[in-house]
Protein backbone atom coordinates (compact mmCIF):
# COMPACT_ATOMS: atom_id res chain seq x y z
CA MET A 1 194.01 108.08 188.89
CA LYS A 2 191.24 109.81 186.95
CA LYS A 3 188.84 109.21 189.83
CA ASN A 4 191.24 110.84 192.33
CA THR A 5 191.75 113.79 190.01
CA PHE A 6 187.99 114.26 189.73
CA ILE A 7 187.55 114.18 193.52
CA ILE A 8 190.36 116.70 194.05
CA SER A 9 188.90 119.00 191.36
CA ALA A 10 185.47 118.78 192.93
CA LEU A 11 186.89 119.69 196.34
CA LEU A 12 188.79 122.65 194.89
CA LEU A 13 185.66 123.88 193.15
CA PHE A 14 183.76 123.66 196.41
CA LEU A 15 186.46 125.57 198.29
CA MET A 16 186.51 128.31 195.68
CA ILE A 17 183.28 129.66 197.16
CA ASN A 18 184.02 131.31 200.48
CA THR A 19 181.70 133.06 202.87
CA CYS A 20 181.94 135.47 205.74
CA SER A 21 179.03 136.45 207.89
CA VAL A 22 177.61 138.46 210.74
CA ILE A 23 174.69 136.55 212.21
CA ASP A 24 172.80 136.66 215.49
CA PRO A 25 173.49 133.45 217.46
CA GLU A 26 169.81 132.51 217.53
CA VAL A 27 169.65 132.37 213.73
CA GLU A 28 172.81 130.34 213.16
CA SER A 29 170.64 127.65 211.56
CA PHE A 30 170.14 130.00 208.59
CA SER A 31 173.59 128.91 207.44
CA ASP A 32 171.77 125.90 206.00
CA PHE A 33 170.76 128.21 203.15
CA ASP A 34 174.38 128.70 202.07
CA GLY A 35 174.32 125.73 199.74
CA GLU A 36 171.26 127.03 197.88
CA ILE A 37 172.80 130.46 197.39
CA GLN A 38 176.21 129.09 196.36
CA LYS A 39 174.62 126.76 193.82
CA GLU A 40 172.75 129.66 192.23
CA MET A 41 175.90 131.78 192.20
CA SER A 42 177.80 129.02 190.43
CA GLN A 43 175.06 128.39 187.87
CA ASN A 44 174.70 132.12 187.14
CA GLN A 45 178.46 132.85 187.27
CA ILE A 46 177.99 135.46 190.01
CA PRO A 47 181.45 136.39 191.35
CA SER A 48 180.30 137.95 194.62
CA LEU A 49 177.16 138.67 196.56
CA SER A 50 176.33 140.46 199.81
CA ALA A 51 172.97 140.17 201.54
CA CYS A 52 171.41 141.24 204.80
CA VAL A 53 168.18 141.34 206.77
CA ILE A 54 167.12 144.33 208.89
CA LYS A 55 164.74 144.29 211.83
CA ASP A 56 163.62 147.57 213.38
CA ASP A 57 166.78 149.69 213.51
CA ARG A 58 169.64 147.25 212.91
CA ILE A 59 171.01 144.52 210.68
CA VAL A 60 170.20 141.17 212.30
CA TRP A 61 171.55 138.88 209.56
CA GLN A 62 174.35 139.61 207.12
CA LYS A 63 176.38 137.38 204.84
CA HIS A 64 178.93 137.82 202.07
CA TYR A 65 179.72 135.27 199.39
CA GLY A 66 182.65 135.37 196.99
CA ASN A 67 184.52 133.30 194.47
CA SER A 68 188.21 133.23 195.37
CA ALA A 69 189.13 132.28 191.81
CA VAL A 70 187.88 135.64 190.53
CA SER A 71 189.88 138.78 191.24
CA ASN A 72 188.34 141.29 193.66
CA SER A 73 185.39 139.04 194.45
CA MET A 74 185.82 138.33 198.14
CA PRO A 75 183.38 140.86 199.65
CA GLY A 76 182.89 141.98 203.22
CA SER A 77 180.79 144.46 205.16
CA SER A 78 182.84 147.38 203.81
CA SER A 79 182.56 146.34 200.14
CA ILE A 80 181.05 149.07 197.96
CA TYR A 81 178.62 147.85 195.31
CA PRO A 82 177.13 149.72 192.35
CA THR A 83 173.35 149.38 192.65
CA ALA A 84 171.98 150.28 189.16
CA SER A 85 168.29 151.27 189.35
CA VAL A 86 168.12 150.98 193.13
CA SER A 87 169.64 154.46 192.75
CA LYS A 88 166.16 155.73 191.91
CA THR A 89 165.09 155.37 195.56
CA ILE A 90 167.51 158.19 196.35
CA ILE A 91 165.96 160.35 193.62
CA VAL A 92 162.47 160.17 195.12
CA THR A 93 163.91 160.90 198.56
CA ALA A 94 165.61 164.04 197.24
CA VAL A 95 162.55 165.18 195.30
CA MET A 96 160.29 164.80 198.32
CA GLN A 97 162.70 166.80 200.46
CA LEU A 98 162.34 169.69 198.01
CA TYR A 99 158.57 169.18 198.08
CA GLU A 100 158.54 169.44 201.88
CA GLN A 101 160.44 172.72 201.64
CA GLY A 102 157.73 174.13 199.38
CA LEU A 103 160.18 174.49 196.49
CA ILE A 104 158.22 172.26 194.11
CA SER A 105 154.73 170.90 193.58
CA LEU A 106 154.34 167.34 192.36
CA ASP A 107 151.45 168.30 190.09
CA ALA A 108 152.70 171.58 188.67
CA ASP A 109 153.95 171.93 185.11
CA LEU A 110 157.60 170.82 184.92
CA ASN A 111 158.20 173.89 182.80
CA ASP A 112 157.72 175.99 185.94
CA TYR A 113 161.12 174.70 187.07
CA LEU A 114 163.17 173.72 184.02
CA PRO A 115 165.13 176.21 181.90
CA PHE A 116 163.58 174.81 178.71
CA SER A 117 160.09 173.78 177.61
CA LEU A 118 159.42 170.05 177.96
CA ARG A 119 156.45 168.50 176.15
CA ASN A 120 155.65 165.20 174.49
CA PRO A 121 155.61 166.26 170.80
CA ASN A 122 152.70 163.88 170.26
CA TYR A 123 150.65 165.79 172.85
CA PRO A 124 152.05 169.33 172.92
CA ASP A 125 149.07 170.74 174.84
CA GLN A 126 149.38 168.27 177.73
CA ILE A 127 151.54 169.38 180.65
CA LEU A 128 154.14 167.08 182.18
CA THR A 129 154.46 166.96 185.96
CA ILE A 130 156.92 165.68 188.53
CA ARG A 131 154.36 163.07 189.52
CA HIS A 132 154.35 161.76 185.95
CA LEU A 133 158.11 161.23 186.16
CA LEU A 134 157.91 159.64 189.63
CA THR A 135 155.26 157.16 188.42
CA HIS A 136 156.82 156.45 185.01
CA THR A 137 153.77 157.85 183.21
CA SER A 138 155.39 160.75 181.33
CA GLY A 139 155.51 159.01 177.95
CA LEU A 140 159.32 159.16 177.86
CA ALA A 141 161.09 156.03 176.65
CA TRP A 142 163.03 153.68 178.88
CA PRO A 143 164.87 153.26 176.36
CA VAL A 144 165.05 149.47 176.12
CA ASP A 145 168.43 149.42 174.38
CA ASP A 146 170.91 151.46 172.38
CA TYR A 147 169.11 150.70 169.13
CA GLU A 148 165.98 152.49 170.34
CA VAL A 149 167.87 155.64 171.32
CA PRO A 150 171.43 155.50 169.89
CA GLY A 151 174.22 156.53 172.22
CA PHE A 152 172.08 156.70 175.33
CA TYR A 153 173.72 153.72 176.99
CA ASP A 154 177.29 154.41 175.94
CA TYR A 155 179.86 153.65 178.63
CA HIS A 156 181.80 156.63 179.98
CA PRO A 157 184.82 155.65 182.11
CA TYR A 158 184.40 156.31 185.83
CA ASP A 159 182.71 159.72 186.32
CA SER A 160 183.27 161.11 182.83
CA ALA A 161 179.70 161.11 181.46
CA PRO A 162 178.41 164.54 180.33
CA PRO A 163 176.56 166.53 183.00
CA LEU A 164 172.76 166.39 183.06
CA ASN A 165 172.27 169.93 181.74
CA GLU A 166 174.24 169.03 178.60
CA TRP A 167 172.73 165.73 177.47
CA ILE A 168 169.08 166.13 178.50
CA PRO A 169 168.18 168.92 176.02
CA GLU A 170 170.11 167.16 173.28
CA TYR A 171 168.11 163.94 173.70
CA VAL A 172 164.59 165.04 174.73
CA LEU A 173 164.00 168.22 172.72
CA PRO A 174 163.01 167.77 169.04
CA ASN A 175 165.75 170.19 167.95
CA GLY A 176 168.44 168.36 169.93
CA ASN A 177 171.44 166.84 168.17
CA GLN A 178 170.78 163.38 169.65
CA TYR A 179 167.00 163.46 169.37
CA VAL A 180 165.11 160.55 167.79
CA ASN A 181 161.35 160.12 167.66
CA ALA A 182 161.54 157.01 169.85
CA VAL A 183 162.41 159.17 172.88
CA TRP A 184 158.70 159.98 173.20
CA LYS A 185 155.94 157.39 172.98
CA ASN A 186 152.42 157.94 171.71
CA SER A 187 151.12 158.10 175.25
CA ILE A 188 149.15 160.89 176.95
CA PRO A 189 150.94 161.95 180.16
CA GLY A 190 149.50 160.13 183.14
CA GLU A 191 147.65 157.43 181.20
CA ARG A 192 150.24 154.70 180.60
CA GLU A 193 153.10 153.37 182.69
CA LEU A 194 156.39 153.22 180.79
CA TYR A 195 159.46 152.68 182.95
CA SER A 196 161.94 155.39 182.03
CA ASN A 197 165.59 156.03 182.75
CA ILE A 198 165.27 159.23 180.72
CA GLY A 199 162.43 160.42 182.93
CA THR A 200 164.20 159.67 186.20
CA GLY A 201 167.36 161.26 184.83
CA ILE A 202 165.33 164.44 184.33
CA LEU A 203 164.23 164.22 187.98
CA GLY A 204 167.89 164.31 188.97
CA TYR A 205 168.33 167.41 186.84
CA LEU A 206 165.26 168.94 188.49
CA VAL A 207 166.94 168.50 191.87
CA GLU A 208 170.01 170.29 190.52
CA VAL A 209 168.02 173.22 189.12
CA VAL A 210 165.83 173.72 192.19
CA SER A 211 168.56 173.18 194.81
CA GLY A 212 171.24 175.11 192.93
CA THR A 213 173.84 172.35 193.37
CA ASP A 214 174.83 169.24 191.44
CA PHE A 215 172.84 166.10 192.18
CA ASN A 216 175.57 164.13 193.92
CA SER A 217 176.50 167.05 196.17
CA TYR A 218 172.87 167.58 197.09
CA CYS A 219 172.43 163.92 198.02
CA THR A 220 175.66 163.89 200.00
CA GLN A 221 174.67 166.95 202.04
CA SER A 222 170.96 166.19 202.49
CA ILE A 223 170.79 162.38 202.56
CA PHE A 224 174.09 160.52 202.85
CA GLU A 225 175.76 162.61 205.57
CA PRO A 226 172.64 162.90 207.78
CA LEU A 227 172.15 159.13 207.48
CA GLU A 228 175.81 158.40 208.26
CA MET A 229 176.32 156.79 204.85
CA HIS A 230 180.05 157.47 204.72
CA SER A 231 180.87 155.01 201.92
CA THR A 232 178.10 156.08 199.56
CA SER A 233 178.24 158.33 196.51
CA TYR A 234 177.24 158.65 192.89
CA ALA A 235 180.87 159.52 192.08
CA TYR A 236 183.80 157.11 192.08
CA ALA A 237 186.05 160.04 192.98
CA ASP A 238 184.47 160.17 196.45
CA LEU A 239 185.11 156.51 197.26
CA ASP A 240 187.96 154.26 198.32
CA MET A 241 188.45 152.38 195.06
CA ASN A 242 190.11 149.50 196.93
CA LYS A 243 186.68 148.77 198.40
CA VAL A 244 184.60 149.16 195.21
CA VAL A 245 183.83 145.72 193.80
CA ARG A 246 184.74 144.99 190.19
CA LYS A 247 181.87 144.45 187.76
CA TYR A 248 181.72 141.24 185.73
CA GLY A 249 179.92 139.96 182.67
CA GLY A 250 179.53 136.42 181.34
CA ASN A 251 182.32 133.89 181.84
CA TYR A 252 183.69 136.07 184.63
CA GLN A 253 184.85 138.73 182.18
CA PRO A 254 185.70 141.96 184.05
CA ILE A 255 183.95 145.20 183.11
CA GLU A 256 185.72 148.49 183.68
CA HIS A 257 184.03 151.02 185.93
CA TYR A 258 181.67 153.26 183.98
CA ARG A 259 178.89 155.81 184.16
CA GLN A 260 176.00 156.25 181.73
CA LEU A 261 174.09 159.42 180.93
CA PRO A 262 171.18 159.16 183.43
CA PHE A 263 173.53 158.70 186.38
CA PRO A 264 171.06 159.72 189.13
CA ALA A 265 168.92 156.78 188.04
CA GLN A 266 171.75 154.23 187.83
CA SER A 267 175.07 155.12 189.44
CA LEU A 268 174.63 154.96 193.22
CA LYS A 269 177.47 153.06 194.90
CA THR A 270 177.05 151.96 198.51
CA THR A 271 177.61 149.26 201.10
CA ILE A 272 175.14 146.90 202.74
CA GLU A 273 175.60 148.78 206.02
CA ASP A 274 175.14 152.23 204.48
CA TYR A 275 172.04 151.44 202.45
CA SER A 276 170.42 149.77 205.47
CA HIS A 277 170.13 153.28 206.91
CA ILE A 278 167.82 154.27 204.04
CA LEU A 279 165.55 151.28 204.63
CA ILE A 280 165.51 151.90 208.38
CA ALA A 281 164.50 155.52 207.76
CA TYR A 282 161.65 154.46 205.46
CA MET A 283 160.47 151.82 207.95
CA ASN A 284 160.47 154.39 210.75
CA GLY A 285 158.50 157.13 209.06
CA GLY A 286 161.53 159.04 207.75
CA ILE A 287 163.83 158.78 210.78
CA TYR A 288 167.19 157.06 211.18
CA ASN A 289 169.04 157.21 214.51
CA ASP A 290 167.00 160.24 215.65
CA THR A 291 167.72 162.07 212.38
CA ARG A 292 164.73 162.86 210.20
CA ILE A 293 165.25 163.01 206.43
CA LEU A 294 161.56 162.91 205.44
CA GLN A 295 158.30 163.75 207.12
CA GLU A 296 156.11 160.75 207.89
CA SER A 297 153.42 162.17 205.61
CA SER A 298 155.94 162.21 202.74
CA VAL A 299 156.82 158.56 203.32
CA HIS A 300 153.11 157.70 203.22
CA GLN A 301 152.72 159.63 199.98
CA ILE A 302 155.71 157.89 198.42
CA LEU A 303 154.25 154.48 199.27
CA GLN A 304 150.76 155.12 197.90
CA ILE A 305 150.06 152.90 194.90
CA ASN A 306 149.65 154.74 191.62
CA ASN A 307 149.03 151.68 189.46
CA PRO A 308 147.33 148.72 191.21
CA ALA A 309 148.17 146.45 188.26
CA SER A 310 151.94 146.91 188.58
CA GLY A 311 152.25 148.09 192.18
CA VAL A 312 154.12 151.25 191.19
CA CYS A 313 154.03 153.95 193.86
CA LEU A 314 156.36 156.96 193.66
CA ILE A 315 159.44 155.14 192.30
CA TRP A 316 159.05 152.32 194.85
CA ASN A 317 157.07 149.22 193.89
CA LYS A 318 154.62 147.36 196.12
CA SER A 319 154.47 143.57 195.78
CA LEU A 320 152.33 140.85 197.32
CA GLY A 321 152.54 140.65 201.09
CA ASN A 322 152.88 144.43 201.48
CA TRP A 323 156.58 144.51 200.63
CA TYR A 324 157.95 147.68 199.03
CA GLY A 325 161.09 147.41 196.96
CA HIS A 326 163.15 148.21 193.93
CA ALA A 327 165.40 146.15 191.68
CA GLY A 328 168.54 147.11 189.82
CA GLY A 329 170.29 145.47 186.92
CA GLU A 330 172.79 146.53 184.27
CA PRO A 331 176.04 145.06 182.93
CA GLY A 332 178.09 144.06 185.98
CA VAL A 333 175.44 144.97 188.53
CA GLY A 334 172.54 143.21 190.24
CA ALA A 335 170.62 144.60 193.21
CA GLN A 336 167.37 144.08 195.09
CA VAL A 337 166.12 146.02 198.14
CA GLU A 338 162.78 145.83 199.91
CA PHE A 339 161.08 146.40 203.22
CA HIS A 340 157.86 145.59 205.06
CA PRO A 341 156.78 148.78 206.88
CA GLU A 342 154.25 147.17 209.24
CA ASP A 343 156.68 144.53 210.50
CA LYS A 344 159.74 146.79 210.14
CA VAL A 345 161.70 144.13 208.34
CA GLY A 346 163.91 144.78 205.32
CA LEU A 347 166.36 142.97 203.10
CA MET A 348 169.10 143.76 200.57
CA ILE A 349 170.98 141.74 197.98
CA PHE A 350 173.90 143.25 196.05
CA SER A 351 175.95 141.40 193.43
CA ASN A 352 178.58 142.30 190.85
CA LYS A 353 176.99 140.64 187.85
CA ARG A 354 173.63 141.26 186.24
CA ASN A 355 171.39 138.29 187.04
CA SER A 356 167.73 137.58 187.73
CA SER A 357 168.22 135.14 190.60
CA ILE A 358 168.46 137.93 193.17
CA ASN A 359 165.26 139.61 192.02
CA LEU A 360 161.67 139.17 193.15
CA GLY A 361 160.30 135.70 192.43
CA ASN A 362 163.66 134.02 191.80
CA LYS A 363 165.82 131.64 193.81
CA ILE A 364 168.34 133.73 195.74
CA HIS A 365 165.70 136.35 196.51
CA ALA A 366 163.36 133.62 197.76
CA VAL A 367 166.06 132.29 200.11
CA ILE A 368 166.78 135.72 201.60
CA ARG A 369 163.04 136.47 201.86
CA ARG A 370 162.60 133.22 203.82
CA ILE A 371 165.26 134.37 206.26
CA ALA A 372 163.66 137.82 206.53
CA SER A 373 160.22 136.29 207.13
CA ASN A 374 161.50 134.73 210.36
CA TYR A 375 161.70 138.25 211.82
CA ARG A 376 158.18 139.33 210.94
């Protein structure tokens, strides 16, 4: 009796993981990878995962994995995923659009554009530039956690976080109510790479100041609508909440939808289909479906390496094999996107739990990269 119970339980556990897919007939054999992905999902308690491979101007492989025992974890092509720091790829796109219009210079003093004076208090005579923020060399903290800069990573339900113009002065200026010395590191601007959500949050504010509109509206008008990204926004209010996947923590504990202060750097929500349009545009010199969002020269500038040791370009990161990508991870969110411009191949992995398996050098990423490599 115990043996039969064990067999039935094992079968039920196996059936809990369901998949749906859109795959070219000639690559049907890639379904052999399902077992590897499902095993990693089970071991890492990942409720759902969507992945795809792009070749030239279309998705050629797409698959969605979900755990039917977990509420709202059966994804499909219309599922909307939060993407955490993958959001930063939209920031650099917006900044470079303003650069192309002659509204900003990447190497000018940030104080030429901001309504307050921004300096590292440790080096008050050194100017800060947009390029410093785009290459994470401003000297601003990440911050690593809430202990380093208290309150910075507080959860604000849905879209309720304070606007950029309110929190930025309070946190980065020495006379601000939320200021702590750890916001600024003892690092001369331009000399040391320090990944920074504060810095990229300021870039979002820069877009607001220069464009005269809020960051999400700017991106909607200048990036999402031209690229036919109809299920993409930084704001939950713009989306069909029935399609937004629920975030989960350990032991499949649900996490309520939230926004944190540096929302341009963290709060993009999109689908596999929508975000593929961004990668296609980057792989085609700034063009998607005959619509240009960036000049080819701007794409080249974005992809120039600033730090050979880390591969950091302008926001994007270059890794071995000439892949350019960005990762995202925060409570309830895991994301990895990358593309190979010479071969015009790209891939995406979105999941609704923070985990390392989908990121560069880990198991699920390696499986999807193997599939993508068949199209090179």
